[in-house]
Structures are given as C-alpha cells and as structure tokens.
PDB file of N, CA and C in Angstrom:
ATOM      1  N   MET A   1      41.040-104.954 -21.509  1.00  0.00           N
ATOM      2  CA  MET A   1      40.290-105.649 -20.480  1.00  0.00           C
ATOM      3  C   MET A   1      39.819-106.977 -21.051  1.00  0.00           C
ATOM      4  N   ASN A   2      40.000-108.006 -20.305  1.00  0.00           N
ATOM      5  CA  ASN A   2      39.510-109.307 -20.681  1.00  0.00           C
ATOM      6  C   ASN A   2      38.025-109.356 -20.310  1.00  0.00           C
ATOM      7  N   GLN A   3      37.175-109.298 -21.300  1.00  0.00           N
ATOM      8  CA  GLN A   3      35.751-109.161 -21.031  1.00  0.00           C
ATOM      9  C   GLN A   3      35.146-110.414 -20.423  1.00  0.00           C
ATOM     10  N   ARG A   4      35.749-111.539 -20.676  1.00  0.00           N
ATOM     11  CA  ARG A   4      35.183-112.780 -20.123  1.00  0.00           C
ATOM     12  C   ARG A   4      35.421-112.871 -18.618  1.00  0.00           C
ATOM     13  N   GLU A   5      36.627-112.534 -18.183  1.00  0.00           N
ATOM     14  CA  GLU A   5      36.965-112.682 -16.777  1.00  0.00           C
ATOM     15  C   GLU A   5      36.844-111.370 -16.005  1.00  0.00           C
ATOM     16  N   GLY A   6      36.793-110.246 -16.706  1.00  0.00           N
ATOM     17  CA  GLY A   6      36.701-108.959 -16.038  1.00  0.00           C
ATOM     18  C   GLY A   6      38.022-108.468 -15.489  1.00  0.00           C
ATOM     19  N   ASP A   7      39.154-109.029 -15.938  1.00  0.00           N
ATOM     20  CA  ASP A   7      40.459-108.609 -15.452  1.00  0.00           C
ATOM     21  C   ASP A   7      40.986-107.456 -16.300  1.00  0.00           C
ATOM     22  N   TYR A   8      41.739-106.619 -15.649  1.00  0.00           N
ATOM     23  CA  TYR A   8      42.384-105.511 -16.352  1.00  0.00           C
ATOM     24  C   TYR A   8      43.792-105.923 -16.762  1.00  0.00           C
ATOM     25  N   VAL A   9      44.235-105.405 -17.875  1.00  0.00           N
ATOM     26  CA  VAL A   9      45.581-105.668 -18.369  1.00  0.00           C
ATOM     27  C   VAL A   9      46.429-104.430 -18.096  1.00  0.00           C
ATOM     28  N   PRO A  10      47.590-104.574 -17.436  1.00  0.00           N
ATOM     29  CA  PRO A  10      48.421-103.397 -17.164  1.00  0.00           C
ATOM     30  C   PRO A  10      48.974-102.804 -18.461  1.00  0.00           C
ATOM     31  N   ILE A  11      48.936-101.481 -18.544  1.00  0.00           N
ATOM     32  CA  ILE A  11      49.459-100.785 -19.712  1.00  0.00           C
ATOM     33  C   ILE A  11      50.865-100.321 -19.366  1.00  0.00           C
ATOM     34  N   ARG A  12      51.867-100.988 -19.887  1.00  0.00           N
ATOM     35  CA  ARG A  12      53.263-100.608 -19.692  1.00  0.00           C
ATOM     36  C   ARG A  12      54.109-101.352 -20.699  1.00  0.00           C
ATOM     37  N   ASP A  13      55.294-100.873 -20.864  1.00  0.00           N
ATOM     38  CA  ASP A  13      56.232-101.481 -21.789  1.00  0.00           C
ATOM     39  C   ASP A  13      56.989-102.575 -21.040  1.00  0.00           C
ATOM     40  N   LEU A  14      56.813-103.803 -21.436  1.00  0.00           N
ATOM     41  CA  LEU A  14      57.469-104.899 -20.734  1.00  0.00           C
ATOM     42  C   LEU A  14      58.965-104.930 -20.974  1.00  0.00           C
ATOM     43  N   GLU A  15      59.429-104.336 -22.073  1.00  0.00           N
ATOM     44  CA  GLU A  15      60.861-104.321 -22.350  1.00  0.00           C
ATOM     45  C   GLU A  15      61.594-103.290 -21.508  1.00  0.00           C
ATOM     46  N   ASN A  16      60.975-102.161 -21.224  1.00  0.00           N
ATOM     47  CA  ASN A  16      61.606-101.105 -20.445  1.00  0.00           C
ATOM     48  C   ASN A  16      60.698-100.770 -19.269  1.00  0.00           C
ATOM     49  N   VAL A  17      61.000-101.365 -18.117  1.00  0.00           N
ATOM     50  CA  VAL A  17      60.131-101.202 -16.959  1.00  0.00           C
ATOM     51  C   VAL A  17      60.385 -99.887 -16.229  1.00  0.00           C
ATOM     52  N   GLN A  18      61.426 -99.121 -16.574  1.00  0.00           N
ATOM     53  CA  GLN A  18      61.726 -97.876 -15.887  1.00  0.00           C
ATOM     54  C   GLN A  18      60.981 -96.682 -16.467  1.00  0.00           C
ATOM     55  N   LEU A  19      60.199 -96.855 -17.497  1.00  0.00           N
ATOM     56  CA  LEU A  19      59.500 -95.725 -18.092  1.00  0.00           C
ATOM     57  C   LEU A  19      58.567 -95.057 -17.104  1.00  0.00           C
ATOM     58  N   GLY A  20      57.901 -95.798 -16.279  1.00  0.00           N
ATOM     59  CA  GLY A  20      56.983 -95.234 -15.313  1.00  0.00           C
ATOM     60  C   GLY A  20      57.673 -94.447 -14.210  1.00  0.00           C
ATOM     61  N   MET A  21      58.959 -94.671 -13.999  1.00  0.00           N
ATOM     62  CA  MET A  21      59.706 -93.984 -12.960  1.00  0.00           C
ATOM     63  C   MET A  21      59.788 -92.485 -13.239  1.00  0.00           C
ATOM     64  N   PHE A  22      59.868 -92.106 -14.493  1.00  0.00           N
ATOM     65  CA  PHE A  22      60.082 -90.710 -14.842  1.00  0.00           C
ATOM     66  C   PHE A  22      58.783 -89.975 -15.130  1.00  0.00           C
ATOM     67  N   ASP A  23      57.657 -90.575 -14.816  1.00  0.00           N
ATOM     68  CA  ASP A  23      56.385 -89.890 -14.981  1.00  0.00           C
ATOM     69  C   ASP A  23      56.150 -88.870 -13.872  1.00  0.00           C
ATOM     70  N   LYS A  24      56.791 -89.066 -12.720  1.00  0.00           N
ATOM     71  CA  LYS A  24      56.639 -88.132 -11.611  1.00  0.00           C
ATOM     72  C   LYS A  24      57.473 -86.880 -11.880  1.00  0.00           C
ATOM     73  N   PRO A  25      56.978 -85.713 -11.496  1.00  0.00           N
ATOM     74  CA  PRO A  25      57.798 -84.503 -11.653  1.00  0.00           C
ATOM     75  C   PRO A  25      58.953 -84.492 -10.657  1.00  0.00           C
ATOM     76  N   LEU A  26      59.976 -83.751 -10.978  1.00  0.00           N
ATOM     77  CA  LEU A  26      61.121 -83.630 -10.087  1.00  0.00           C
ATOM     78  C   LEU A  26      60.740 -82.838  -8.840  1.00  0.00           C
ATOM     79  N   PRO A  27      61.446 -83.067  -7.730  1.00  0.00           N
ATOM     80  CA  PRO A  27      61.157 -82.280  -6.533  1.00  0.00           C
ATOM     81  C   PRO A  27      61.617 -80.829  -6.700  1.00  0.00           C
ATOM     82  N   CYS A  28      61.347 -80.002  -5.742  1.00  0.00           N
ATOM     83  CA  CYS A  28      61.746 -78.579  -5.721  1.00  0.00           C
ATOM     84  C   CYS A  28      61.162 -77.818  -6.893  1.00  0.00           C
ATOM     85  N   PHE A  29      59.865 -77.774  -6.971  1.00  0.00           N
ATOM     86  CA  PHE A  29      59.127 -77.019  -7.983  1.00  0.00           C
ATOM     87  C   PHE A  29      59.350 -77.533  -9.396  1.00  0.00           C
ATOM     88  N   GLY A  30      59.698 -78.794  -9.533  1.00  0.00           N
ATOM     89  CA  GLY A  30      59.838 -79.412 -10.843  1.00  0.00           C
ATOM     90  C   GLY A  30      61.177 -79.216 -11.522  1.00  0.00           C
ATOM     91  N   CYS A  31      62.090 -78.473 -10.900  1.00  0.00           N
ATOM     92  CA  CYS A  31      63.389 -78.262 -11.562  1.00  0.00           C
ATOM     93  C   CYS A  31      64.468 -79.182 -11.000  1.00  0.00           C
ATOM     94  N   GLY A  32      64.213 -79.899  -9.964  1.00  0.00           N
ATOM     95  CA  GLY A  32      65.175 -80.841  -9.413  1.00  0.00           C
ATOM     96  C   GLY A  32      65.999 -80.224  -8.291  1.00  0.00           C
ATOM     97  N   ILE A  33      66.579 -81.085  -7.502  1.00  0.00           N
ATOM     98  CA  ILE A  33      67.367 -80.640  -6.352  1.00  0.00           C
ATOM     99  C   ILE A  33      68.608 -79.878  -6.805  1.00  0.00           C
ATOM    100  N   GLY A  34      69.261 -80.351  -7.854  1.00  0.00           N
ATOM    101  CA  GLY A  34      70.504 -79.730  -8.308  1.00  0.00           C
ATOM    102  C   GLY A  34      70.326 -78.308  -8.801  1.00  0.00           C
ATOM    103  N   TRP A  35      69.381 -78.096  -9.709  1.00  0.00           N
ATOM    104  CA  TRP A  35      69.171 -76.747 -10.248  1.00  0.00           C
ATOM    105  C   TRP A  35      68.614 -75.818  -9.185  1.00  0.00           C
ATOM    106  N   PHE A  36      67.764 -76.320  -8.320  1.00  0.00           N
ATOM    107  CA  PHE A  36      67.231 -75.502  -7.235  1.00  0.00           C
ATOM    108  C   PHE A  36      68.356 -75.093  -6.286  1.00  0.00           C
ATOM    109  N   SER A  37      69.271 -76.025  -6.005  1.00  0.00           N
ATOM    110  CA  SER A  37      70.398 -75.716  -5.128  1.00  0.00           C
ATOM    111  C   SER A  37      71.366 -74.742  -5.789  1.00  0.00           C
ATOM    112  N   LEU A  38      71.500 -74.837  -7.107  1.00  0.00           N
ATOM    113  CA  LEU A  38      72.376 -73.901  -7.808  1.00  0.00           C
ATOM    114  C   LEU A  38      71.834 -72.475  -7.679  1.00  0.00           C
ATOM    115  N   LEU A  39      70.549 -72.302  -7.883  1.00  0.00           N
ATOM    116  CA  LEU A  39      69.959 -70.972  -7.761  1.00  0.00           C
ATOM    117  C   LEU A  39      69.981 -70.477  -6.318  1.00  0.00           C
ATOM    118  N   LEU A  40      69.668 -71.348  -5.396  1.00  0.00           N
ATOM    119  CA  LEU A  40      69.652 -70.969  -3.988  1.00  0.00           C
ATOM    120  C   LEU A  40      71.069 -70.745  -3.461  1.00  0.00           C
ATOM    121  N   GLY A  41      72.054 -71.347  -4.118  1.00  0.00           N
ATOM    122  CA  GLY A  41      73.445 -71.201  -3.693  1.00  0.00           C
ATOM    123  C   GLY A  41      74.003 -69.808  -3.851  1.00  0.00           C
ATOM    124  N   PHE A  42      73.399 -68.992  -4.696  1.00  0.00           N
ATOM    125  CA  PHE A  42      73.859 -67.616  -4.807  1.00  0.00           C
ATOM    126  C   PHE A  42      73.527 -66.818  -3.550  1.00  0.00           C
ATOM    127  N   VAL A  43      72.521 -67.258  -2.803  1.00  0.00           N
ATOM    128  CA  VAL A  43      72.161 -66.623  -1.538  1.00  0.00           C
ATOM    129  C   VAL A  43      72.798 -67.378  -0.369  1.00  0.00           C
ATOM    130  N   PHE A  44      72.747 -68.708  -0.421  1.00  0.00           N
ATOM    131  CA  PHE A  44      73.311 -69.576   0.620  1.00  0.00           C
ATOM    132  C   PHE A  44      74.325 -70.521  -0.029  1.00  0.00           C
ATOM    133  N   PRO A  45      75.599 -70.125  -0.107  1.00  0.00           N
ATOM    134  CA  PRO A  45      76.604 -70.935  -0.822  1.00  0.00           C
ATOM    135  C   PRO A  45      76.793 -72.357  -0.277  1.00  0.00           C
ATOM    136  N   LEU A  46      76.369 -72.601   0.944  1.00  0.00           N
ATOM    137  CA  LEU A  46      76.500 -73.961   1.484  1.00  0.00           C
ATOM    138  C   LEU A  46      75.652 -74.964   0.712  1.00  0.00           C
ATOM    139  N   MET A  47      74.630 -74.486   0.029  1.00  0.00           N
ATOM    140  CA  MET A  47      73.797 -75.380  -0.790  1.00  0.00           C
ATOM    141  C   MET A  47      74.601 -76.005  -1.917  1.00  0.00           C
ATOM    142  N   TRP A  48      75.582 -75.279  -2.437  1.00  0.00           N
ATOM    143  CA  TRP A  48      76.437 -75.838  -3.491  1.00  0.00           C
ATOM    144  C   TRP A  48      77.239 -77.016  -2.955  1.00  0.00           C
ATOM    145  N   TYR A  49      77.743 -76.874  -1.720  1.00  0.00           N
ATOM    146  CA  TYR A  49      78.514 -77.965  -1.126  1.00  0.00           C
ATOM    147  C   TYR A  49      77.625 -79.182  -0.862  1.00  0.00           C
ATOM    148  N   PHE A  50      76.422 -78.927  -0.399  1.00  0.00           N
ATOM    149  CA  PHE A  50      75.468 -80.013  -0.169  1.00  0.00           C
ATOM    150  C   PHE A  50      75.186 -80.771  -1.476  1.00  0.00           C
ATOM    151  N   SER A  51      74.956 -80.021  -2.554  1.00  0.00           N
ATOM    152  CA  SER A  51      74.674 -80.660  -3.839  1.00  0.00           C
ATOM    153  C   SER A  51      75.901 -81.350  -4.417  1.00  0.00           C
ATOM    154  N   ALA A  52      77.079 -80.795  -4.182  1.00  0.00           N
ATOM    155  CA  ALA A  52      78.305 -81.439  -4.649  1.00  0.00           C
ATOM    156  C   ALA A  52      78.502 -82.777  -3.934  1.00  0.00           C
ATOM    157  N   ILE A  53      78.164 -82.821  -2.662  1.00  0.00           N
ATOM    158  CA  ILE A  53      78.249 -84.090  -1.920  1.00  0.00           C
ATOM    159  C   ILE A  53      77.262 -85.102  -2.495  1.00  0.00           C
ATOM    160  N   LEU A  54      76.056 -84.626  -2.828  1.00  0.00           N
ATOM    161  CA  LEU A  54      75.083 -85.529  -3.457  1.00  0.00           C
ATOM    162  C   LEU A  54      75.586 -86.021  -4.807  1.00  0.00           C
ATOM    163  N   TYR A  55      76.235 -85.140  -5.566  1.00  0.00           N
ATOM    164  CA  TYR A  55      76.750 -85.524  -6.886  1.00  0.00           C
ATOM    165  C   TYR A  55      77.851 -86.576  -6.758  1.00  0.00           C
ATOM    166  N   PHE A  56      78.806 -86.330  -5.871  1.00  0.00           N
ATOM    167  CA  PHE A  56      79.903 -87.290  -5.720  1.00  0.00           C
ATOM    168  C   PHE A  56      79.455 -88.566  -5.011  1.00  0.00           C
ATOM    169  N   GLY A  57      78.338 -88.502  -4.307  1.00  0.00           N
ATOM    170  CA  GLY A  57      77.763 -89.693  -3.688  1.00  0.00           C
ATOM    171  C   GLY A  57      76.847 -90.456  -4.628  1.00  0.00           C
ATOM    172  N   LYS A  58      76.794 -90.028  -5.902  1.00  0.00           N
ATOM    173  CA  LYS A  58      76.011 -90.664  -6.962  1.00  0.00           C
ATOM    174  C   LYS A  58      74.518 -90.720  -6.635  1.00  0.00           C
ATOM    175  N   TYR A  59      74.009 -89.600  -6.121  1.00  0.00           N
ATOM    176  CA  TYR A  59      72.571 -89.492  -5.871  1.00  0.00           C
ATOM    177  C   TYR A  59      71.777 -89.591  -7.164  1.00  0.00           C
ATOM    178  N   TYR A  60      72.397 -89.201  -8.277  1.00  0.00           N
ATOM    179  CA  TYR A  60      71.698 -89.195  -9.563  1.00  0.00           C
ATOM    180  C   TYR A  60      71.380 -90.593 -10.065  1.00  0.00           C
ATOM    181  N   ASN A  61      71.892 -91.640  -9.430  1.00  0.00           N
ATOM    182  CA  ASN A  61      71.508 -93.002  -9.823  1.00  0.00           C
ATOM    183  C   ASN A  61      70.037 -93.269  -9.493  1.00  0.00           C
ATOM    184  N   LYS A  62      69.494 -92.563  -8.497  1.00  0.00           N
ATOM    185  CA  LYS A  62      68.072 -92.702  -8.186  1.00  0.00           C
ATOM    186  C   LYS A  62      67.210 -92.111  -9.286  1.00  0.00           C
ATOM    187  N   ASP A  63      67.666 -90.974  -9.853  1.00  0.00           N
ATOM    188  CA  ASP A  63      66.936 -90.311 -10.933  1.00  0.00           C
ATOM    189  C   ASP A  63      67.949 -89.608 -11.830  1.00  0.00           C
ATOM    190  N   PRO A  64      68.219 -90.139 -13.015  1.00  0.00           N
ATOM    191  CA  PRO A  64      69.247 -89.554 -13.888  1.00  0.00           C
ATOM    192  C   PRO A  64      68.958 -88.129 -14.328  1.00  0.00           C
ATOM    193  N   ARG A  65      67.731 -87.664 -14.200  1.00  0.00           N
ATOM    194  CA  ARG A  65      67.414 -86.289 -14.577  1.00  0.00           C
ATOM    195  C   ARG A  65      68.065 -85.285 -13.639  1.00  0.00           C
ATOM    196  N   GLU A  66      68.525 -85.719 -12.475  1.00  0.00           N
ATOM    197  CA  GLU A  66      69.166 -84.837 -11.500  1.00  0.00           C
ATOM    198  C   GLU A  66      70.643 -84.590 -11.811  1.00  0.00           C
ATOM    199  N   ARG A  67      71.236 -85.364 -12.688  1.00  0.00           N
ATOM    200  CA  ARG A  67      72.680 -85.322 -12.899  1.00  0.00           C
ATOM    201  C   ARG A  67      73.190 -83.943 -13.332  1.00  0.00           C
ATOM    202  N   SER A  68      72.542 -83.303 -14.269  1.00  0.00           N
ATOM    203  CA  SER A  68      73.065 -82.042 -14.794  1.00  0.00           C
ATOM    204  C   SER A  68      73.043 -80.928 -13.742  1.00  0.00           C
ATOM    205  N   GLY A  69      71.997 -80.843 -12.970  1.00  0.00           N
ATOM    206  CA  GLY A  69      71.932 -79.816 -11.935  1.00  0.00           C
ATOM    207  C   GLY A  69      72.942 -80.043 -10.825  1.00  0.00           C
ATOM    208  N   LEU A  70      73.114 -81.292 -10.423  1.00  0.00           N
ATOM    209  CA  LEU A  70      74.101 -81.596  -9.387  1.00  0.00           C
ATOM    210  C   LEU A  70      75.514 -81.368  -9.898  1.00  0.00           C
ATOM    211  N   ALA A  71      75.759 -81.663 -11.171  1.00  0.00           N
ATOM    212  CA  ALA A  71      77.079 -81.407 -11.750  1.00  0.00           C
ATOM    213  C   ALA A  71      77.351 -79.912 -11.825  1.00  0.00           C
ATOM    214  N   ALA A  72      76.339 -79.116 -12.121  1.00  0.00           N
ATOM    215  CA  ALA A  72      76.516 -77.659 -12.157  1.00  0.00           C
ATOM    216  C   ALA A  72      76.896 -77.133 -10.781  1.00  0.00           C
ATOM    217  N   CYS A  73      76.330 -77.688  -9.725  1.00  0.00           N
ATOM    218  CA  CYS A  73      76.687 -77.273  -8.381  1.00  0.00           C
ATOM    219  C   CYS A  73      78.115 -77.697  -8.026  1.00  0.00           C
ATOM    220  N   ALA A  74      78.523 -78.866  -8.480  1.00  0.00           N
ATOM    221  CA  ALA A  74      79.899 -79.320  -8.223  1.00  0.00           C
ATOM    222  C   ALA A  74      80.896 -78.409  -8.945  1.00  0.00           C
ATOM    223  N   ILE A  75      80.541 -77.938 -10.125  1.00  0.00           N
ATOM    224  CA  ILE A  75      81.410 -76.996 -10.845  1.00  0.00           C
ATOM    225  C   ILE A  75      81.427 -75.653 -10.133  1.00  0.00           C
ATOM    226  N   ALA A  76      80.285 -75.213  -9.624  1.00  0.00           N
ATOM    227  CA  ALA A  76      80.226 -73.940  -8.891  1.00  0.00           C
ATOM    228  C   ALA A  76      81.082 -73.980  -7.637  1.00  0.00           C
ATOM    229  N   VAL A  77      81.141 -75.127  -6.981  1.00  0.00           N
ATOM    230  CA  VAL A  77      81.972 -75.268  -5.784  1.00  0.00           C
ATOM    231  C   VAL A  77      83.449 -75.187  -6.158  1.00  0.00           C
ATOM    232  N   SER A  78      83.807 -75.787  -7.278  1.00  0.00           N
ATOM    233  CA  SER A  78      85.224 -75.811  -7.658  1.00  0.00           C
ATOM    234  C   SER A  78      85.731 -74.442  -8.120  1.00  0.00           C
ATOM    235  N   ILE A  79      84.801 -73.575  -8.547  1.00  0.00           N
ATOM    236  CA  ILE A  79      85.201 -72.229  -8.972  1.00  0.00           C
ATOM    237  C   ILE A  79      85.241 -71.355  -7.752  1.00  0.00           C
TER     238      ILE A  79
END
C-alpha cells in the first residue's frame, strides 16, 4: 500500500497473468466436467459422447485442467 496516497497495489505476477485463472475450483464438485462425465457415463453413456464432443471442440482451451477428463471420455467412446 502506498501510504502517502492511500492506493493499493495489486498482488499478482506481471509476467504470468493467467495464474489467477486457476484459483477457482473446477465445476462438478471440483473434479471437472470430463471426470464427472466419465463417472456418470457408466449410468448414462450419452455423457461420454457429450464430453467427447467437448474434447474434439477444444473446450479444454478455456481451462487446461479439463483436458485429461475429456480425453478419458473420448477414449471411453472409442472403446
């Protein structure tokens, strides 16, 4: 804090501005859409197709943490 002016200084890494993006937990109880769809796909197999479409549509570019779960669903569809 700049005590003379009373301004606050933002705390973040100026070199890597995406660090704050991954502070939020993943959706679907924190495990991500892909892994949640993989587990739910054993009961409702259409969820695997939905996740495979998301995988091939490069949904994981929004959040790279989703890539492994969506890829697992794409593999489940192919088997």
